[in-house]
Amino acid sequence: MFGIAIHGGAGTLPRAELDAGRERSYRAGLAAALEAGRAILAGGGSSLDAVERAVVLLEEDPLFNAGRGAVFTWEGRNELDAAIMEGAGRRAGAVCGVRHVRNPVVLARTVMEHSDYVMLSGEGAEEFALVQGIALVPNEHFRTEERWRQLERIRAGDPRVSPLTISHVGTVGAVALDSAGHLAAATSTGGMTGKRWGRIGDSPIIGAGTYADDRSCAVSATGHGESFIRAAVAHEIGARMRLAGQSLDDAVHGVVTVELGGMRAEGGVIAIDRGGRVVTAFTSEGMFRGSVVAGGDPQIAIYR
């Protein structure tokens, strides 16, 4: 048995603003990442390899707010965050505020496997990347004109947009169960449009936006990071399963619908348990997502 689920962010996605051509592009990007992860699992590969590969492909797709296509800070820079975790030994790695790492999820895994730390930030993380033989790229590599226009609208005080409504669409993540029964999760993001003062959201924080534990489930989140941190969303879902005996469905919906809903937080999660059951839930209008399990057909969705 194996399975994988991915997401490309959750947020306000009015159907009228997502024309047929753009929707096809989003679906194609999700499908490519999902298939890459599925192929690794079908070949007997690890859940860790599967989530890393799926997230790398989404980081390379300029439609998503991760890697190339990341949103801009108020100062006009791209600052990237990512995390990865495996459920067997609960090892984890994360990076935040990096500006020159093409695939932050790869560096996050390198932190996990080749350092004594869990999280590295900014220039220190990039110095570590160079020591580990990971080449850096100019910050301009991540720029897209669409994201720049979004920043300009925020700077101009356009009342029709806010950092919360245009940033969540694009944070990416993956969760997987491999045939050996091991779980893994990974998340990568450019954060919030117009963020200032080194703001970091939930994506690279283990237990908030990313978590995996073979005793319960693997979770990747996307949404209003401050609320997800305060609710320790990813860990809370696993803890409800492990300590309260809840099913994945009950744990996910209890945290997302009740906890986050009560905080009026926008966003969602993807999760998979050790039995291969995939559950997604979100409080927003839509969430880019996909999943596939052994012997099943791939499922790609945007709206409810």
C-alpha atoms as a PDB file:
ATOM      1  CA  MET A   1       0.000   0.000   0.000  1.00  0.00           C
ATOM      2  CA  PHE A   2       1.189   3.513  -0.779  1.00  0.00           C
ATOM      3  CA  GLY A   3      -0.333   6.913  -1.351  1.00  0.00           C
ATOM      4  CA  ILE A   4       0.537  10.553  -1.883  1.00  0.00           C
ATOM      5  CA  ALA A   5      -1.314  13.857  -1.682  1.00  0.00           C
ATOM      6  CA  ILE A   6      -0.131  17.292  -2.759  1.00  0.00           C
ATOM      7  CA  HIS A   7      -1.382  20.850  -2.511  1.00  0.00           C
ATOM      8  CA  GLY A   8      -0.681  24.101  -4.281  1.00  0.00           C
ATOM      9  CA  GLY A   9      -2.168  26.482  -1.743  1.00  0.00           C
ATOM     10  CA  ALA A  10      -5.588  27.515  -0.479  1.00  0.00           C
ATOM     11  CA  GLY A  11      -7.340  30.848  -0.534  1.00  0.00           C
ATOM     12  CA  THR A  12      -9.910  33.050  -2.170  1.00  0.00           C
ATOM     13  CA  LEU A  13     -10.251  31.659  -5.682  1.00  0.00           C
ATOM     14  CA  PRO A  14     -13.268  33.206  -7.399  1.00  0.00           C
ATOM     15  CA  ARG A  15     -14.281  30.952 -10.274  1.00  0.00           C
ATOM     16  CA  ALA A  16     -14.768  33.985 -12.485  1.00  0.00           C
ATOM     17  CA  GLU A  17     -11.078  34.884 -12.118  1.00  0.00           C
ATOM     18  CA  LEU A  18      -9.794  31.404 -12.974  1.00  0.00           C
ATOM     19  CA  ASP A  19     -10.330  31.091 -16.713  1.00  0.00           C
ATOM     20  CA  ALA A  20     -10.241  27.708 -18.450  1.00  0.00           C
ATOM     21  CA  GLY A  21      -6.697  28.104 -19.748  1.00  0.00           C
ATOM     22  CA  ARG A  22      -5.289  29.067 -16.382  1.00  0.00           C
ATOM     23  CA  GLU A  23      -7.149  26.272 -14.655  1.00  0.00           C
ATOM     24  CA  ARG A  24      -5.663  23.777 -17.116  1.00  0.00           C
ATOM     25  CA  SER A  25      -2.199  25.106 -16.333  1.00  0.00           C
ATOM     26  CA  TYR A  26      -2.697  24.696 -12.595  1.00  0.00           C
ATOM     27  CA  ARG A  27      -4.082  21.205 -13.052  1.00  0.00           C
ATOM     28  CA  ALA A  28      -1.174  20.246 -15.300  1.00  0.00           C
ATOM     29  CA  GLY A  29       1.347  21.443 -12.721  1.00  0.00           C
ATOM     30  CA  LEU A  30      -0.360  19.517  -9.952  1.00  0.00           C
ATOM     31  CA  ALA A  31      -0.656  16.406 -12.112  1.00  0.00           C
ATOM     32  CA  ALA A  32       3.039  16.442 -13.008  1.00  0.00           C
ATOM     33  CA  ALA A  33       4.095  16.725  -9.361  1.00  0.00           C
ATOM     34  CA  LEU A  34       1.631  14.055  -8.280  1.00  0.00           C
ATOM     35  CA  GLU A  35       2.822  11.625 -10.936  1.00  0.00           C
ATOM     36  CA  ALA A  36       6.463  12.201 -10.036  1.00  0.00           C
ATOM     37  CA  GLY A  37       5.759  11.290  -6.431  1.00  0.00           C
ATOM     38  CA  ARG A  38       3.552   8.340  -7.370  1.00  0.00           C
ATOM     39  CA  ALA A  39       6.227   6.903  -9.674  1.00  0.00           C
ATOM     40  CA  ILE A  40       8.774   6.902  -6.849  1.00  0.00           C
ATOM     41  CA  LEU A  41       6.359   5.130  -4.509  1.00  0.00           C
ATOM     42  CA  ALA A  42       5.244   2.628  -7.152  1.00  0.00           C
ATOM     43  CA  GLY A  43       8.891   1.732  -7.727  1.00  0.00           C
ATOM     44  CA  GLY A  44       9.381   0.942  -4.048  1.00  0.00           C
ATOM     45  CA  GLY A  45      10.938   4.295  -3.219  1.00  0.00           C
ATOM     46  CA  SER A  46      10.626   6.105   0.081  1.00  0.00           C
ATOM     47  CA  SER A  47       7.917   8.532   1.130  1.00  0.00           C
ATOM     48  CA  LEU A  48      10.698  11.029   1.863  1.00  0.00           C
ATOM     49  CA  ASP A  49      11.962  10.883  -1.725  1.00  0.00           C
ATOM     50  CA  ALA A  50       8.401  11.132  -3.035  1.00  0.00           C
ATOM     51  CA  VAL A  51       7.432  14.280  -1.130  1.00  0.00           C
ATOM     52  CA  GLU A  52      10.737  15.961  -1.894  1.00  0.00           C
ATOM     53  CA  ARG A  53      10.433  15.295  -5.629  1.00  0.00           C
ATOM     54  CA  ALA A  54       6.815  16.431  -5.799  1.00  0.00           C
ATOM     55  CA  VAL A  55       7.621  19.680  -3.990  1.00  0.00           C
ATOM     56  CA  VAL A  56      10.693  20.337  -6.159  1.00  0.00           C
ATOM     57  CA  LEU A  57       8.516  20.207  -9.280  1.00  0.00           C
ATOM     58  CA  LEU A  58       6.037  22.630  -7.720  1.00  0.00           C
ATOM     59  CA  GLU A  59       8.906  24.947  -6.712  1.00  0.00           C
ATOM     60  CA  GLU A  60       9.962  24.961 -10.368  1.00  0.00           C
ATOM     61  CA  ASP A  61       6.463  25.881 -11.588  1.00  0.00           C
ATOM     62  CA  PRO A  62       6.049  29.707 -11.652  1.00  0.00           C
ATOM     63  CA  LEU A  63       2.300  29.432 -11.028  1.00  0.00           C
ATOM     64  CA  PHE A  64       2.888  28.562  -7.386  1.00  0.00           C
ATOM     65  CA  ASN A  65       4.124  30.631  -4.452  1.00  0.00           C
ATOM     66  CA  ALA A  66       7.273  28.574  -3.864  1.00  0.00           C
ATOM     67  CA  GLY A  67      10.651  28.725  -5.569  1.00  0.00           C
ATOM     68  CA  ARG A  68      10.306  30.451  -8.921  1.00  0.00           C
ATOM     69  CA  GLY A  69       7.009  32.319  -8.678  1.00  0.00           C
ATOM     70  CA  ALA A  70       7.348  33.151  -4.982  1.00  0.00           C
ATOM     71  CA  VAL A  71       5.723  36.344  -3.760  1.00  0.00           C
ATOM     72  CA  PHE A  72       7.696  39.481  -2.927  1.00  0.00           C
ATOM     73  CA  THR A  73       8.470  41.088   0.413  1.00  0.00           C
ATOM     74  CA  TRP A  74       7.591  44.756   0.919  1.00  0.00           C
ATOM     75  CA  GLU A  75      11.167  45.632  -0.096  1.00  0.00           C
ATOM     76  CA  GLY A  76      10.820  43.730  -3.363  1.00  0.00           C
ATOM     77  CA  ARG A  77      12.804  40.588  -2.532  1.00  0.00           C
ATOM     78  CA  ASN A  78      11.887  36.915  -2.582  1.00  0.00           C
ATOM     79  CA  GLU A  79      12.445  35.170   0.762  1.00  0.00           C
ATOM     80  CA  LEU A  80      11.737  31.456   0.844  1.00  0.00           C
ATOM     81  CA  ASP A  81      10.876  28.923   3.554  1.00  0.00           C
ATOM     82  CA  ALA A  82      10.611  25.116   3.485  1.00  0.00           C
ATOM     83  CA  ALA A  83      10.493  22.079   5.748  1.00  0.00           C
ATOM     84  CA  ILE A  84      10.590  18.305   5.432  1.00  0.00           C
ATOM     85  CA  MET A  85       9.994  15.538   7.986  1.00  0.00           C
ATOM     86  CA  GLU A  86      10.007  11.750   8.045  1.00  0.00           C
ATOM     87  CA  GLY A  87       7.747   9.778  10.343  1.00  0.00           C
ATOM     88  CA  ALA A  88       9.903   6.785  11.246  1.00  0.00           C
ATOM     89  CA  GLY A  89      12.412   8.611  13.436  1.00  0.00           C
ATOM     90  CA  ARG A  90      10.703  12.009  13.376  1.00  0.00           C
ATOM     91  CA  ARG A  91      13.780  13.608  11.895  1.00  0.00           C
ATOM     92  CA  ALA A  92      13.121  17.018  10.399  1.00  0.00           C
ATOM     93  CA  GLY A  93      14.863  19.834   8.563  1.00  0.00           C
ATOM     94  CA  ALA A  94      13.812  23.365   7.729  1.00  0.00           C
ATOM     95  CA  VAL A  95      15.102  26.612   6.264  1.00  0.00           C
ATOM     96  CA  CYS A  96      13.605  30.088   6.393  1.00  0.00           C
ATOM     97  CA  GLY A  97      14.297  33.479   4.878  1.00  0.00           C
ATOM     98  CA  VAL A  98      16.626  32.179   2.162  1.00  0.00           C
ATOM     99  CA  ARG A  99      16.996  34.327  -0.946  1.00  0.00           C
ATOM    100  CA  HIS A 100      19.299  32.383  -3.256  1.00  0.00           C
ATOM    101  CA  VAL A 101      18.364  28.702  -2.908  1.00  0.00           C
ATOM    102  CA  ARG A 102      16.640  27.405  -6.015  1.00  0.00           C
ATOM    103  CA  ASN A 103      14.892  24.523  -4.254  1.00  0.00           C
ATOM    104  CA  PRO A 104      14.505  25.242  -0.541  1.00  0.00           C
ATOM    105  CA  VAL A 105      12.980  21.813   0.137  1.00  0.00           C
ATOM    106  CA  VAL A 106      16.237  20.197  -1.009  1.00  0.00           C
ATOM    107  CA  LEU A 107      18.193  22.358   1.423  1.00  0.00           C
ATOM    108  CA  ALA A 108      15.703  21.521   4.193  1.00  0.00           C
ATOM    109  CA  ARG A 109      16.369  17.820   3.645  1.00  0.00           C
ATOM    110  CA  THR A 110      20.103  18.493   3.630  1.00  0.00           C
ATOM    111  CA  VAL A 111      19.776  20.224   6.997  1.00  0.00           C
ATOM    112  CA  MET A 112      17.950  17.152   8.299  1.00  0.00           C
ATOM    113  CA  GLU A 113      20.456  14.644   7.002  1.00  0.00           C
ATOM    114  CA  HIS A 114      23.782  16.475   7.211  1.00  0.00           C
ATOM    115  CA  SER A 115      23.612  18.724  10.273  1.00  0.00           C
ATOM    116  CA  ASP A 116      22.866  18.550  13.981  1.00  0.00           C
ATOM    117  CA  TYR A 117      20.108  21.138  13.600  1.00  0.00           C
ATOM    118  CA  VAL A 118      16.478  21.270  12.575  1.00  0.00           C
ATOM    119  CA  MET A 119      16.154  24.841  11.255  1.00  0.00           C
ATOM    120  CA  LEU A 120      18.613  27.240   9.645  1.00  0.00           C
ATOM    121  CA  SER A 121      17.814  30.780   8.546  1.00  0.00           C
ATOM    122  CA  GLY A 122      18.914  33.410   6.061  1.00  0.00           C
ATOM    123  CA  GLU A 123      22.590  33.845   5.313  1.00  0.00           C
ATOM    124  CA  GLY A 124      23.580  31.018   7.647  1.00  0.00           C
ATOM    125  CA  ALA A 125      21.371  28.582   5.765  1.00  0.00           C
ATOM    126  CA  GLU A 126      22.904  29.710   2.482  1.00  0.00           C
ATOM    127  CA  GLU A 127      26.432  29.359   3.829  1.00  0.00           C
ATOM    128  CA  PHE A 128      25.515  25.817   4.864  1.00  0.00           C
ATOM    129  CA  ALA A 129      24.149  25.201   1.361  1.00  0.00           C
ATOM    130  CA  LEU A 130      27.498  26.169  -0.172  1.00  0.00           C
ATOM    131  CA  VAL A 131      29.376  23.927   2.258  1.00  0.00           C
ATOM    132  CA  GLN A 132      27.118  21.067   1.162  1.00  0.00           C
ATOM    133  CA  GLY A 133      27.733  21.747  -2.527  1.00  0.00           C
ATOM    134  CA  ILE A 134      24.340  23.328  -3.266  1.00  0.00           C
ATOM    135  CA  ALA A 135      24.801  26.165  -5.753  1.00  0.00           C
ATOM    136  CA  LEU A 136      23.072  29.475  -5.137  1.00  0.00           C
ATOM    137  CA  VAL A 137      21.128  31.463  -7.722  1.00  0.00           C
ATOM    138  CA  PRO A 138      20.459  35.202  -8.095  1.00  0.00           C
ATOM    139  CA  ASN A 139      17.338  36.424  -6.307  1.00  0.00           C
ATOM    140  CA  GLU A 140      15.996  37.467  -9.714  1.00  0.00           C
ATOM    141  CA  HIS A 141      15.582  33.767 -10.559  1.00  0.00           C
ATOM    142  CA  PHE A 142      12.367  33.712  -8.505  1.00  0.00           C
ATOM    143  CA  ARG A 143      10.778  36.822 -10.017  1.00  0.00           C
ATOM    144  CA  THR A 144       7.616  36.694 -12.087  1.00  0.00           C
ATOM    145  CA  GLU A 145       5.773  39.734 -13.378  1.00  0.00           C
ATOM    146  CA  GLU A 146       2.461  38.558 -11.938  1.00  0.00           C
ATOM    147  CA  ARG A 147       3.883  38.436  -8.414  1.00  0.00           C
ATOM    148  CA  TRP A 148       5.477  41.849  -8.897  1.00  0.00           C
ATOM    149  CA  ARG A 149       2.144  43.323  -9.931  1.00  0.00           C
ATOM    150  CA  GLN A 150       0.561  41.838  -6.826  1.00  0.00           C
ATOM    151  CA  LEU A 151       3.156  43.585  -4.670  1.00  0.00           C
ATOM    152  CA  GLU A 152       2.541  46.877  -6.446  1.00  0.00           C
ATOM    153  CA  ARG A 153      -1.190  46.585  -5.750  1.00  0.00           C
ATOM    154  CA  ILE A 154      -0.496  45.937  -2.069  1.00  0.00           C
ATOM    155  CA  ARG A 155       1.923  48.872  -1.863  1.00  0.00           C
ATOM    156  CA  ALA A 156      -0.635  51.118  -3.543  1.00  0.00           C
ATOM    157  CA  GLY A 157      -3.276  50.175  -0.982  1.00  0.00           C
ATOM    158  CA  ASP A 158      -5.640  48.556  -3.486  1.00  0.00           C
ATOM    159  CA  PRO A 159      -8.710  47.735  -1.332  1.00  0.00           C
ATOM    160  CA  ARG A 160      -9.586  44.767  -3.551  1.00  0.00           C
ATOM    161  CA  VAL A 161      -6.534  42.763  -2.480  1.00  0.00           C
ATOM    162  CA  SER A 162      -4.768  41.887   0.743  1.00  0.00           C
ATOM    163  CA  PRO A 163      -1.656  39.888   1.571  1.00  0.00           C
ATOM    164  CA  LEU A 164      -3.866  37.134   2.953  1.00  0.00           C
ATOM    165  CA  THR A 165      -6.002  36.624  -0.136  1.00  0.00           C
ATOM    166  CA  ILE A 166      -3.259  36.525  -2.767  1.00  0.00           C
ATOM    167  CA  SER A 167      -0.420  34.784  -0.939  1.00  0.00           C
ATOM    168  CA  HIS A 168      -1.917  31.482   0.133  1.00  0.00           C
ATOM    169  CA  VAL A 169      -2.656  30.458  -3.438  1.00  0.00           C
ATOM    170  CA  GLY A 170       0.601  28.798  -4.286  1.00  0.00           C
ATOM    171  CA  THR A 171       2.226  27.557  -1.077  1.00  0.00           C
ATOM    172  CA  VAL A 172       3.012  23.942  -1.937  1.00  0.00           C
ATOM    173  CA  GLY A 173       3.250  20.725  -0.017  1.00  0.00           C
ATOM    174  CA  ALA A 174       3.129  16.944  -0.146  1.00  0.00           C
ATOM    175  CA  VAL A 175       2.464  14.044   2.207  1.00  0.00           C
ATOM    176  CA  ALA A 176       3.085  10.382   1.447  1.00  0.00           C
ATOM    177  CA  LEU A 177       2.984   6.809   2.744  1.00  0.00           C
ATOM    178  CA  ASP A 178       5.403   4.310   1.209  1.00  0.00           C
ATOM    179  CA  SER A 179       5.141   0.535   0.878  1.00  0.00           C
ATOM    180  CA  ALA A 180       7.339   0.087   3.945  1.00  0.00           C
ATOM    181  CA  GLY A 181       4.700   1.865   6.019  1.00  0.00           C
ATOM    182  CA  HIS A 182       6.640   5.083   6.547  1.00  0.00           C
ATOM    183  CA  LEU A 183       5.166   8.578   6.341  1.00  0.00           C
ATOM    184  CA  ALA A 184       6.722  11.887   5.267  1.00  0.00           C
ATOM    185  CA  ALA A 185       5.666  15.501   4.738  1.00  0.00           C
ATOM    186  CA  ALA A 186       7.173  18.537   3.024  1.00  0.00           C
ATOM    187  CA  THR A 187       6.064  22.145   2.556  1.00  0.00           C
ATOM    188  CA  SER A 188       7.584  25.103   0.675  1.00  0.00           C
ATOM    189  CA  THR A 189       6.503  28.731   0.319  1.00  0.00           C
ATOM    190  CA  GLY A 190       7.437  32.267  -0.553  1.00  0.00           C
ATOM    191  CA  GLY A 191       5.338  33.450   2.380  1.00  0.00           C
ATOM    192  CA  MET A 192       3.052  36.459   2.409  1.00  0.00           C
ATOM    193  CA  THR A 193       3.027  39.201  -0.234  1.00  0.00           C
ATOM    194  CA  GLY A 194       4.445  42.400   1.220  1.00  0.00           C
ATOM    195  CA  LYS A 195       5.784  40.719   4.365  1.00  0.00           C
ATOM    196  CA  ARG A 196       8.253  42.773   6.403  1.00  0.00           C
ATOM    197  CA  TRP A 197      10.930  42.508   9.081  1.00  0.00           C
ATOM    198  CA  GLY A 198      11.873  38.902   8.367  1.00  0.00           C
ATOM    199  CA  ARG A 199       8.378  37.523   8.931  1.00  0.00           C
ATOM    200  CA  ILE A 200       8.209  33.709   8.923  1.00  0.00           C
ATOM    201  CA  GLY A 201       4.970  31.755   8.593  1.00  0.00           C
ATOM    202  CA  ASP A 202       3.992  28.216   9.511  1.00  0.00           C
ATOM    203  CA  SER A 203       5.423  26.290   6.546  1.00  0.00           C
ATOM    204  CA  PRO A 204       8.966  25.742   7.916  1.00  0.00           C
ATOM    205  CA  ILE A 205       7.844  25.345  11.524  1.00  0.00           C
ATOM    206  CA  ILE A 206       7.720  21.692  12.512  1.00  0.00           C
ATOM    207  CA  GLY A 207       4.361  20.986  14.119  1.00  0.00           C
ATOM    208  CA  ALA A 208       2.652  24.029  12.647  1.00  0.00           C
ATOM    209  CA  GLY A 209       2.756  23.720   8.861  1.00  0.00           C
ATOM    210  CA  THR A 210       4.612  20.431   8.503  1.00  0.00           C
ATOM    211  CA  TYR A 211       4.637  17.210  10.528  1.00  0.00           C
ATOM    212  CA  ALA A 212       5.030  13.444  10.084  1.00  0.00           C
ATOM    213  CA  ASP A 213       4.802  10.621  12.621  1.00  0.00           C
ATOM    214  CA  ASP A 214       4.487   6.953  11.692  1.00  0.00           C
ATOM    215  CA  ARG A 215       2.285   6.484  14.766  1.00  0.00           C
ATOM    216  CA  SER A 216      -0.430   8.704  13.304  1.00  0.00           C
ATOM    217  CA  CYS A 217      -0.195  10.715  10.095  1.00  0.00           C
ATOM    218  CA  ALA A 218       1.671  13.180   7.898  1.00  0.00           C
ATOM    219  CA  VAL A 219       0.364  16.728   7.402  1.00  0.00           C
ATOM    220  CA  SER A 220       1.203  19.705   5.186  1.00  0.00           C
ATOM    221  CA  ALA A 221      -0.664  22.965   5.676  1.00  0.00           C
ATOM    222  CA  THR A 222      -1.287  26.170   3.773  1.00  0.00           C
ATOM    223  CA  GLY A 223      -2.999  29.337   4.899  1.00  0.00           C
ATOM    224  CA  HIS A 224      -2.782  32.222   7.339  1.00  0.00           C
ATOM    225  CA  GLY A 225       0.488  31.164   8.925  1.00  0.00           C
ATOM    226  CA  GLU A 226       0.106  33.071  12.161  1.00  0.00           C
ATOM    227  CA  SER A 227      -3.076  31.176  13.009  1.00  0.00           C
ATOM    228  CA  PHE A 228      -1.585  27.835  11.999  1.00  0.00           C
ATOM    229  CA  ILE A 229       1.366  28.490  14.313  1.00  0.00           C
ATOM    230  CA  ARG A 230      -0.880  29.467  17.214  1.00  0.00           C
ATOM    231  CA  ALA A 231      -2.964  26.307  16.771  1.00  0.00           C
ATOM    232  CA  ALA A 232       0.072  24.036  16.137  1.00  0.00           C
ATOM    233  CA  VAL A 233      -2.118  22.612  13.394  1.00  0.00           C
ATOM    234  CA  ALA A 234       0.012  19.812  11.931  1.00  0.00           C
ATOM    235  CA  HIS A 235       1.039  18.380  15.297  1.00  0.00           C
ATOM    236  CA  GLU A 236      -2.434  18.826  16.758  1.00  0.00           C
ATOM    237  CA  ILE A 237      -3.953  16.602  14.081  1.00  0.00           C
ATOM    238  CA  GLY A 238      -1.479  13.811  14.814  1.00  0.00           C
ATOM    239  CA  ALA A 239      -1.858  14.216  18.583  1.00  0.00           C
ATOM    240  CA  ARG A 240      -5.636  13.862  18.372  1.00  0.00           C
ATOM    241  CA  MET A 241      -5.167  10.580  16.536  1.00  0.00           C
ATOM    242  CA  ARG A 242      -2.419   9.214  18.760  1.00  0.00           C
ATOM    243  CA  LEU A 243      -3.651  10.354  22.155  1.00  0.00           C
ATOM    244  CA  ALA A 244      -7.403  10.695  21.740  1.00  0.00           C
ATOM    245  CA  GLY A 245      -7.922   7.809  19.328  1.00  0.00           C
ATOM    246  CA  GLN A 246      -9.578   9.969  16.688  1.00  0.00           C
ATOM    247  CA  SER A 247      -9.711   8.933  13.045  1.00  0.00           C
ATOM    248  CA  LEU A 248      -7.837  11.033  10.504  1.00  0.00           C
ATOM    249  CA  ASP A 249     -11.154  12.449   9.293  1.00  0.00           C
ATOM    250  CA  ASP A 250     -12.220  13.525  12.753  1.00  0.00           C
ATOM    251  CA  ALA A 251      -8.819  14.931  13.669  1.00  0.00           C
ATOM    252  CA  VAL A 252      -8.452  16.947  10.467  1.00  0.00           C
ATOM    253  CA  HIS A 253     -11.951  18.360  10.476  1.00  0.00           C
ATOM    254  CA  GLY A 254     -11.833  19.066  14.196  1.00  0.00           C
ATOM    255  CA  VAL A 255      -8.688  21.130  13.828  1.00  0.00           C
ATOM    256  CA  VAL A 256      -9.468  22.819  10.504  1.00  0.00           C
ATOM    257  CA  THR A 257     -13.204  23.375  10.839  1.00  0.00           C
ATOM    258  CA  VAL A 258     -13.525  23.947  14.574  1.00  0.00           C
ATOM    259  CA  GLU A 259     -10.162  25.344  15.700  1.00  0.00           C
ATOM    260  CA  LEU A 260      -9.169  27.336  12.632  1.00  0.00           C
ATOM    261  CA  GLY A 261     -12.751  28.158  11.772  1.00  0.00           C
ATOM    262  CA  GLY A 262     -13.211  29.606  15.235  1.00  0.00           C
ATOM    263  CA  MET A 263     -10.111  31.740  14.698  1.00  0.00           C
ATOM    264  CA  ARG A 264     -11.513  32.896  11.334  1.00  0.00           C
ATOM    265  CA  ALA A 265      -8.309  31.614   9.744  1.00  0.00           C
ATOM    266  CA  GLU A 266      -8.212  30.928   6.035  1.00  0.00           C
ATOM    267  CA  GLY A 267      -6.390  27.897   4.675  1.00  0.00           C
ATOM    268  CA  GLY A 268      -6.331  24.125   4.721  1.00  0.00           C
ATOM    269  CA  VAL A 269      -4.361  20.910   5.087  1.00  0.00           C
ATOM    270  CA  ILE A 270      -3.627  17.661   3.314  1.00  0.00           C
ATOM    271  CA  ALA A 271      -3.017  14.582   5.451  1.00  0.00           C
ATOM    272  CA  ILE A 272      -2.399  10.860   5.058  1.00  0.00           C
ATOM    273  CA  ASP A 273      -2.451   8.202   7.757  1.00  0.00           C
ATOM    274  CA  ARG A 274      -0.521   4.956   8.141  1.00  0.00           C
ATOM    275  CA  GLY A 275      -3.367   3.081   6.469  1.00  0.00           C
ATOM    276  CA  GLY A 276      -3.079   5.182   3.322  1.00  0.00           C
ATOM    277  CA  ARG A 277      -6.245   7.214   3.862  1.00  0.00           C
ATOM    278  CA  VAL A 278      -5.996  10.727   2.447  1.00  0.00           C
ATOM    279  CA  VAL A 279      -8.017  13.596   3.924  1.00  0.00           C
ATOM    280  CA  THR A 280      -8.091  17.242   2.844  1.00  0.00           C
ATOM    281  CA  ALA A 281      -9.969  20.089   4.472  1.00  0.00           C
ATOM    282  CA  PHE A 282      -9.991  23.858   4.026  1.00  0.00           C
ATOM    283  CA  THR A 283     -11.858  26.904   5.274  1.00  0.00           C
ATOM    284  CA  SER A 284     -11.260  28.921   2.105  1.00  0.00           C
ATOM    285  CA  GLU A 285     -13.169  29.018  -1.164  1.00  0.00           C
ATOM    286  CA  GLY A 286     -10.767  26.637  -2.814  1.00  0.00           C
ATOM    287  CA  MET A 287      -7.558  24.669  -2.491  1.00  0.00           C
ATOM    288  CA  PHE A 288      -5.333  23.350  -5.265  1.00  0.00           C
ATOM    289  CA  ARG A 289      -4.879  19.678  -4.437  1.00  0.00           C
ATOM    290  CA  GLY A 290      -4.352  16.183  -5.762  1.00  0.00           C
ATOM    291  CA  SER A 291      -3.957  12.630  -4.503  1.00  0.00           C
ATOM    292  CA  VAL A 292      -3.450   9.075  -5.649  1.00  0.00           C
ATOM    293  CA  VAL A 293      -3.186   5.740  -3.866  1.00  0.00           C
ATOM    294  CA  ALA A 294      -1.910   2.364  -5.047  1.00  0.00           C
ATOM    295  CA  GLY A 295      -4.297   0.908  -7.603  1.00  0.00           C
ATOM    296  CA  GLY A 296      -6.337   4.098  -7.865  1.00  0.00           C
ATOM    297  CA  ASP A 297      -6.689   6.910 -10.343  1.00  0.00           C
ATOM    298  CA  PRO A 298      -5.174  10.348  -9.710  1.00  0.00           C
ATOM    299  CA  GLN A 299      -7.597  12.933  -8.334  1.00  0.00           C
ATOM    300  CA  ILE A 300      -7.047  16.655  -8.988  1.00  0.00           C
ATOM    301  CA  ALA A 301      -9.375  19.312  -7.565  1.00  0.00           C
ATOM    302  CA  ILE A 302      -9.584  23.038  -6.886  1.00  0.00           C
ATOM    303  CA  TYR A 303     -13.034  23.785  -5.474  1.00  0.00           C
ATOM    304  CA  ARG A 304     -15.189  21.797  -3.079  1.00  0.00           C
END
